Amino acid sequence: MATVKPPADPEADPRVKAVFDDIRETRGSDFVNNVWRYLAFDPALLEEVWRDVKAVLAIPSLIDPKTKEMIYAAVSIANACDYCTHSHLASARAKGMTAAEQAELLRIVATAAKTNHILNAIRPPIDAAFLAED
């Protein structure tokens, strides 16, 4: 159940409309999903979150778009964000992630979670070779 109520007519606010228009243009789609509709309860928060997500996911960088979505999905799984897990796996599939790649991603997430929990319990010292040098 949602903890905030989305505005009945979010695009009546010019700040919200500007973000929604940018989402549509950036994604090349008229679809504005619920994340943005619910974040529209606070236009400043909506602007901030969209700016950050757009900068990471929509602007070309060294990491390809499919891999970015797979990383976002993995972090979403680790953080137990059901909405983000669904949306970023769907986006990764739309960008070419195969069923085999999704299965491998889930094996990596599961193995990382297991070893993270074990190492958090035993707390071994970090090897000097793993420490970044300035």
Protein backbone atom coordinates (compact mmCIF):
# COMPACT_ATOMS: atom_id res chain seq x y z
CA MET A 1 0.00 0.00 0.00
CA ALA A 2 1.28 3.45 -0.92
CA THR A 3 2.33 5.84 1.84
CA VAL A 4 1.56 8.99 -0.15
CA LYS A 5 -1.31 9.96 -2.39
CA PRO A 6 -0.43 10.99 -5.94
CA PRO A 7 -1.95 14.23 -7.18
CA ALA A 8 -5.20 13.75 -9.08
CA ASP A 9 -3.95 15.92 -11.96
CA PRO A 10 -0.16 15.96 -11.59
CA GLU A 11 0.49 17.80 -14.83
CA ALA A 12 -1.51 20.80 -13.59
CA ASP A 13 1.73 21.72 -11.81
CA PRO A 14 4.16 23.14 -14.41
CA ARG A 15 7.18 21.65 -12.62
CA VAL A 16 5.64 18.19 -12.70
CA LYS A 17 4.58 18.60 -16.33
CA ALA A 18 8.13 19.59 -17.28
CA VAL A 19 9.53 16.44 -15.64
CA PHE A 20 6.87 14.20 -17.20
CA ASP A 21 7.55 15.75 -20.61
CA ASP A 22 11.28 15.11 -20.15
CA ILE A 23 10.58 11.50 -19.12
CA ARG A 24 8.49 11.01 -22.26
CA GLU A 25 11.13 12.60 -24.49
CA THR A 26 14.05 10.75 -22.88
CA ARG A 27 12.33 7.38 -23.08
CA GLY A 28 10.63 7.95 -26.43
CA SER A 29 7.32 6.84 -24.94
CA ASP A 30 4.12 8.41 -23.65
CA PHE A 31 4.19 6.06 -20.63
CA VAL A 32 4.93 7.72 -17.30
CA ASN A 33 5.05 4.99 -14.69
CA ASN A 34 3.77 5.08 -11.14
CA VAL A 35 7.11 5.97 -9.55
CA TRP A 36 6.97 9.39 -11.16
CA ARG A 37 3.22 9.81 -10.65
CA TYR A 38 3.59 9.16 -6.93
CA LEU A 39 6.74 11.28 -6.58
CA ALA A 40 4.73 14.13 -8.09
CA PHE A 41 3.26 14.68 -4.60
CA ASP A 42 6.45 16.74 -4.09
CA PRO A 43 7.64 18.47 -7.29
CA ALA A 44 11.10 19.23 -5.87
CA LEU A 45 11.65 15.59 -4.92
CA LEU A 46 10.35 14.48 -8.33
CA GLU A 47 12.79 16.81 -10.10
CA GLU A 48 15.72 15.65 -7.97
CA VAL A 49 15.08 11.93 -8.36
CA TRP A 50 14.45 12.20 -12.12
CA ARG A 51 17.63 14.27 -12.57
CA ASP A 52 19.70 11.63 -10.76
CA VAL A 53 18.10 8.62 -12.48
CA LYS A 54 18.39 10.26 -15.90
CA ALA A 55 22.05 11.09 -15.30
CA VAL A 56 22.87 7.49 -14.41
CA LEU A 57 20.61 5.52 -16.75
CA ALA A 58 19.83 7.70 -19.76
CA ILE A 59 23.06 9.52 -20.45
CA PRO A 60 25.61 7.46 -22.40
CA SER A 61 28.65 6.47 -20.37
CA LEU A 62 31.30 3.77 -20.16
CA ILE A 63 28.76 1.12 -19.10
CA ASP A 64 26.21 0.01 -21.69
CA PRO A 65 22.47 0.56 -21.00
CA LYS A 66 21.60 -3.14 -20.54
CA THR A 67 24.37 -3.62 -17.97
CA LYS A 68 23.29 -0.47 -16.12
CA GLU A 69 19.75 -1.85 -15.84
CA MET A 70 21.07 -5.22 -14.67
CA ILE A 71 23.17 -3.53 -11.98
CA TYR A 72 20.20 -1.41 -10.93
CA ALA A 73 18.08 -4.57 -10.73
CA ALA A 74 20.73 -6.34 -8.64
CA VAL A 75 20.90 -3.46 -6.17
CA SER A 76 17.10 -3.34 -6.08
CA ILE A 77 16.98 -7.06 -5.26
CA ALA A 78 19.57 -6.56 -2.50
CA ASN A 79 17.56 -3.64 -1.11
CA ALA A 80 14.26 -5.56 -1.39
CA CYS A 81 12.63 -2.92 -3.60
CA ASP A 82 9.94 -4.91 -5.39
CA TYR A 83 8.91 -2.06 -7.69
CA CYS A 84 12.49 -1.30 -8.77
CA THR A 85 13.32 -4.98 -9.22
CA HIS A 86 10.36 -5.42 -11.58
CA SER A 87 10.89 -2.19 -13.51
CA HIS A 88 14.64 -2.58 -14.02
CA LEU A 89 14.45 -6.26 -14.96
CA ALA A 90 11.78 -5.30 -17.51
CA SER A 91 14.00 -2.51 -18.79
CA ALA A 92 17.01 -4.83 -18.99
CA ARG A 93 14.93 -7.33 -20.97
CA ALA A 94 13.81 -4.53 -23.29
CA LYS A 95 17.50 -3.68 -23.80
CA GLY A 96 18.32 -7.28 -24.74
CA MET A 97 18.87 -9.22 -21.51
CA THR A 98 18.15 -12.87 -22.21
CA ALA A 99 16.55 -15.37 -19.84
CA ALA A 100 19.96 -17.01 -19.44
CA GLU A 101 21.53 -13.64 -18.51
CA GLN A 102 18.75 -13.00 -16.00
CA ALA A 103 19.33 -16.42 -14.44
CA GLU A 104 23.07 -15.69 -14.22
CA LEU A 105 22.34 -12.28 -12.68
CA LEU A 106 20.18 -13.95 -10.03
CA ARG A 107 22.93 -16.50 -9.29
CA ILE A 108 25.42 -13.65 -8.85
CA VAL A 109 23.05 -11.71 -6.57
CA ALA A 110 22.32 -14.81 -4.48
CA THR A 111 26.00 -15.76 -4.17
CA ALA A 112 27.01 -12.20 -3.28
CA ALA A 113 24.28 -12.01 -0.63
CA LYS A 114 25.36 -15.32 0.88
CA THR A 115 29.05 -14.45 1.02
CA ASN A 116 28.28 -10.91 2.26
CA HIS A 117 26.30 -12.34 5.18
CA ILE A 118 29.00 -14.88 6.02
CA LEU A 119 31.77 -12.27 5.88
CA ASN A 120 29.70 -9.81 7.91
CA ALA A 121 29.46 -12.54 10.55
CA ILE A 122 33.15 -13.52 10.63
CA ARG A 123 34.65 -10.07 9.85
CA PRO A 124 38.00 -11.11 8.33
CA PRO A 125 40.55 -8.28 7.94
CA ILE A 126 40.73 -6.71 4.47
CA ASP A 127 43.82 -7.79 2.55
CA ALA A 128 46.25 -4.97 1.82
CA ALA A 129 46.14 -5.95 -1.88
CA PHE A 130 42.45 -4.94 -1.98
CA LEU A 131 42.94 -1.45 -0.57
CA ALA A 132 43.03 1.36 -3.11
CA GLU A 133 46.21 3.34 -3.32
CA ASP A 134 45.98 7.11 -3.57
